[in-house]
Amino acid sequence: MVALGLGLAGCSVDASTAAPESKVFPFRGTTLDVRTHEVAADLVAVDREDVKVTRWFDAAAGSEHLSWELKRGVLDIDAGCSGFAICDAKFRVEVPKGVTVLRDGRKSGLRGDG
């Protein structure tokens, strides 16, 4: 859904080559629901007390929409573009070990949960 090309010959985007942006959110709960809006997101349990989100985003055309917000145990992350658009995005979400993590309201597994 994020990468969409509409006749833009020669335009190529790749989030993996974009410069990363990060944001850290204070977190005190035991459950975190990560809402991804169908954007690729790695959920990783690490030794930390807060939640760190890293975003890679690349766009060649279109109206960009980028958001990340943590409220009441829900981390809402989104990155994309609309209109005559081509873009690509991915996220990495680092959460404290031991926190129950939901993805879009459903149980998820974490890499590195040890």
C-alpha atoms as a PDB file:
ATOM      1  CA  MET A   1       0.000   0.000   0.000  1.00  0.00           C
ATOM      2  CA  VAL A   2       2.800   2.433   0.785  1.00  0.00           C
ATOM      3  CA  ALA A   3       4.675   2.109  -2.483  1.00  0.00           C
ATOM      4  CA  LEU A   4       2.455   3.242  -5.308  1.00  0.00           C
ATOM      5  CA  GLY A   5       3.595   4.302  -8.746  1.00  0.00           C
ATOM      6  CA  LEU A   6       1.228   5.882 -11.215  1.00  0.00           C
ATOM      7  CA  GLY A   7       3.102   6.256 -14.476  1.00  0.00           C
ATOM      8  CA  LEU A   8       6.189   7.914 -13.021  1.00  0.00           C
ATOM      9  CA  ALA A   9       8.738   6.408 -15.383  1.00  0.00           C
ATOM     10  CA  GLY A  10      12.241   6.407 -13.992  1.00  0.00           C
ATOM     11  CA  CYS A  11      11.152   7.373 -10.459  1.00  0.00           C
ATOM     12  CA  SER A  12      12.324   4.946  -7.833  1.00  0.00           C
ATOM     13  CA  VAL A  13      12.093   5.110  -4.075  1.00  0.00           C
ATOM     14  CA  ASP A  14      13.519   2.831  -1.398  1.00  0.00           C
ATOM     15  CA  ALA A  15      13.003   3.480   2.301  1.00  0.00           C
ATOM     16  CA  SER A  16      16.035   1.338   3.166  1.00  0.00           C
ATOM     17  CA  THR A  17      18.317   3.959   1.584  1.00  0.00           C
ATOM     18  CA  ALA A  18      16.618   6.949   3.254  1.00  0.00           C
ATOM     19  CA  ALA A  19      18.135   8.754   6.227  1.00  0.00           C
ATOM     20  CA  PRO A  20      16.537   7.464   9.448  1.00  0.00           C
ATOM     21  CA  GLU A  21      14.605   9.713  11.830  1.00  0.00           C
ATOM     22  CA  SER A  22      14.034   8.667  15.451  1.00  0.00           C
ATOM     23  CA  LYS A  23      11.742   9.709  18.264  1.00  0.00           C
ATOM     24  CA  VAL A  24      11.648   8.473  21.860  1.00  0.00           C
ATOM     25  CA  PHE A  25       8.392   8.276  23.838  1.00  0.00           C
ATOM     26  CA  PRO A  26       8.169   7.940  27.624  1.00  0.00           C
ATOM     27  CA  PHE A  27       6.299   4.736  28.515  1.00  0.00           C
ATOM     28  CA  ARG A  28       5.097   3.375  31.869  1.00  0.00           C
ATOM     29  CA  GLY A  29       2.509   0.737  30.881  1.00  0.00           C
ATOM     30  CA  THR A  30       2.521  -3.042  30.579  1.00  0.00           C
ATOM     31  CA  THR A  31       0.763  -3.267  27.165  1.00  0.00           C
ATOM     32  CA  LEU A  32       1.520  -1.327  23.995  1.00  0.00           C
ATOM     33  CA  ASP A  33      -0.750  -1.423  20.931  1.00  0.00           C
ATOM     34  CA  VAL A  34       1.190  -0.447  17.798  1.00  0.00           C
ATOM     35  CA  ARG A  35      -1.085   0.837  15.008  1.00  0.00           C
ATOM     36  CA  THR A  36       0.863   0.600  11.735  1.00  0.00           C
ATOM     37  CA  HIS A  37      -1.675   1.508   9.022  1.00  0.00           C
ATOM     38  CA  GLU A  38      -0.214  -1.335   6.918  1.00  0.00           C
ATOM     39  CA  VAL A  39       3.278   0.208   6.886  1.00  0.00           C
ATOM     40  CA  ALA A  40       6.152  -2.248   7.407  1.00  0.00           C
ATOM     41  CA  ALA A  41       7.201  -2.195  11.067  1.00  0.00           C
ATOM     42  CA  ASP A  42       9.677  -4.354  12.986  1.00  0.00           C
ATOM     43  CA  LEU A  43       8.708  -4.679  16.651  1.00  0.00           C
ATOM     44  CA  VAL A  44      11.734  -5.420  18.823  1.00  0.00           C
ATOM     45  CA  ALA A  45      12.029  -6.025  22.581  1.00  0.00           C
ATOM     46  CA  VAL A  46      15.171  -4.408  24.018  1.00  0.00           C
ATOM     47  CA  ASP A  47      16.636  -3.344  27.366  1.00  0.00           C
ATOM     48  CA  ARG A  48      15.087   0.128  27.703  1.00  0.00           C
ATOM     49  CA  GLU A  49      12.342   1.824  29.736  1.00  0.00           C
ATOM     50  CA  ASP A  50      10.893   3.977  26.964  1.00  0.00           C
ATOM     51  CA  VAL A  51       9.724   3.334  23.384  1.00  0.00           C
ATOM     52  CA  LYS A  52      12.006   4.320  20.504  1.00  0.00           C
ATOM     53  CA  VAL A  53      10.633   4.609  16.989  1.00  0.00           C
ATOM     54  CA  THR A  54      12.881   4.889  13.933  1.00  0.00           C
ATOM     55  CA  ARG A  55      11.360   5.797  10.585  1.00  0.00           C
ATOM     56  CA  TRP A  56      12.795   5.537   7.078  1.00  0.00           C
ATOM     57  CA  PHE A  57      10.810   7.373   4.395  1.00  0.00           C
ATOM     58  CA  ASP A  58      11.484   8.134   0.751  1.00  0.00           C
ATOM     59  CA  ALA A  59       9.136   9.850  -1.705  1.00  0.00           C
ATOM     60  CA  ALA A  60       9.433  10.975  -5.299  1.00  0.00           C
ATOM     61  CA  ALA A  61       5.981  12.511  -5.737  1.00  0.00           C
ATOM     62  CA  GLY A  62       2.670  13.067  -4.003  1.00  0.00           C
ATOM     63  CA  SER A  63       1.454  14.651  -0.802  1.00  0.00           C
ATOM     64  CA  GLU A  64       3.344  13.176   2.152  1.00  0.00           C
ATOM     65  CA  HIS A  65       1.681  12.274   5.437  1.00  0.00           C
ATOM     66  CA  LEU A  66       3.976  11.366   8.331  1.00  0.00           C
ATOM     67  CA  SER A  67       2.846  10.845  11.906  1.00  0.00           C
ATOM     68  CA  TRP A  68       3.899   9.162  15.117  1.00  0.00           C
ATOM     69  CA  GLU A  69       2.179   9.563  18.458  1.00  0.00           C
ATOM     70  CA  LEU A  70       1.892   7.598  21.711  1.00  0.00           C
ATOM     71  CA  LYS A  71      -1.260   8.167  23.783  1.00  0.00           C
ATOM     72  CA  ARG A  72      -2.850   5.959  26.437  1.00  0.00           C
ATOM     73  CA  GLY A  73      -0.892   2.842  25.471  1.00  0.00           C
ATOM     74  CA  VAL A  74      -1.469   3.204  21.711  1.00  0.00           C
ATOM     75  CA  LEU A  75       1.477   4.010  19.449  1.00  0.00           C
ATOM     76  CA  ASP A  76       0.081   5.292  16.155  1.00  0.00           C
ATOM     77  CA  ILE A  77       2.663   5.380  13.358  1.00  0.00           C
ATOM     78  CA  ASP A  78       1.998   6.197   9.724  1.00  0.00           C
ATOM     79  CA  ALA A  79       3.996   7.234   6.694  1.00  0.00           C
ATOM     80  CA  GLY A  80       2.828   7.454   3.134  1.00  0.00           C
ATOM     81  CA  CYS A  81       1.751   9.686   0.341  1.00  0.00           C
ATOM     82  CA  SER A  82      -1.393  10.320  -1.652  1.00  0.00           C
ATOM     83  CA  GLY A  83      -2.406  11.699  -5.011  1.00  0.00           C
ATOM     84  CA  PHE A  84      -0.180  11.121  -8.016  1.00  0.00           C
ATOM     85  CA  ALA A  85       2.340   9.457  -5.719  1.00  0.00           C
ATOM     86  CA  ILE A  86       5.254   7.139  -5.221  1.00  0.00           C
ATOM     87  CA  CYS A  87       6.784   6.562  -1.795  1.00  0.00           C
ATOM     88  CA  ASP A  88       8.155   3.888   0.515  1.00  0.00           C
ATOM     89  CA  ALA A  89       8.356   3.687   4.304  1.00  0.00           C
ATOM     90  CA  LYS A  90       9.362   1.375   7.113  1.00  0.00           C
ATOM     91  CA  PHE A  91       9.586   1.590  10.913  1.00  0.00           C
ATOM     92  CA  ARG A  92      11.495  -0.075  13.739  1.00  0.00           C
ATOM     93  CA  VAL A  93       9.808   0.075  17.142  1.00  0.00           C
ATOM     94  CA  GLU A  94      11.938  -0.752  20.189  1.00  0.00           C
ATOM     95  CA  VAL A  95       9.885  -1.597  23.282  1.00  0.00           C
ATOM     96  CA  PRO A  96      10.930  -2.541  26.817  1.00  0.00           C
ATOM     97  CA  LYS A  97      11.364  -6.271  27.404  1.00  0.00           C
ATOM     98  CA  GLY A  98       8.400  -7.784  29.214  1.00  0.00           C
ATOM     99  CA  VAL A  99       5.827  -5.409  27.709  1.00  0.00           C
ATOM    100  CA  THR A 100       2.891  -7.104  25.968  1.00  0.00           C
ATOM    101  CA  VAL A 101       2.830  -5.780  22.414  1.00  0.00           C
ATOM    102  CA  LEU A 102      -0.214  -5.771  20.176  1.00  0.00           C
ATOM    103  CA  ARG A 103      -0.087  -4.971  16.462  1.00  0.00           C
ATOM    104  CA  ASP A 104      -3.261  -3.236  15.316  1.00  0.00           C
ATOM    105  CA  GLY A 105      -5.093  -4.620  18.364  1.00  0.00           C
ATOM    106  CA  ARG A 106      -3.962  -8.244  17.859  1.00  0.00           C
ATOM    107  CA  LYS A 107      -1.330 -10.264  19.725  1.00  0.00           C
ATOM    108  CA  SER A 108       2.102 -10.115  18.115  1.00  0.00           C
ATOM    109  CA  GLY A 109       5.431 -11.837  18.481  1.00  0.00           C
ATOM    110  CA  LEU A 110       8.658  -9.910  19.021  1.00  0.00           C
ATOM    111  CA  ARG A 111      12.178 -10.547  17.795  1.00  0.00           C
ATOM    112  CA  GLY A 112      14.776 -10.509  20.537  1.00  0.00           C
ATOM    113  CA  ASP A 113      12.323 -11.097  23.363  1.00  0.00           C
ATOM    114  CA  GLY A 114      14.605 -12.891  25.714  1.00  0.00           C
END
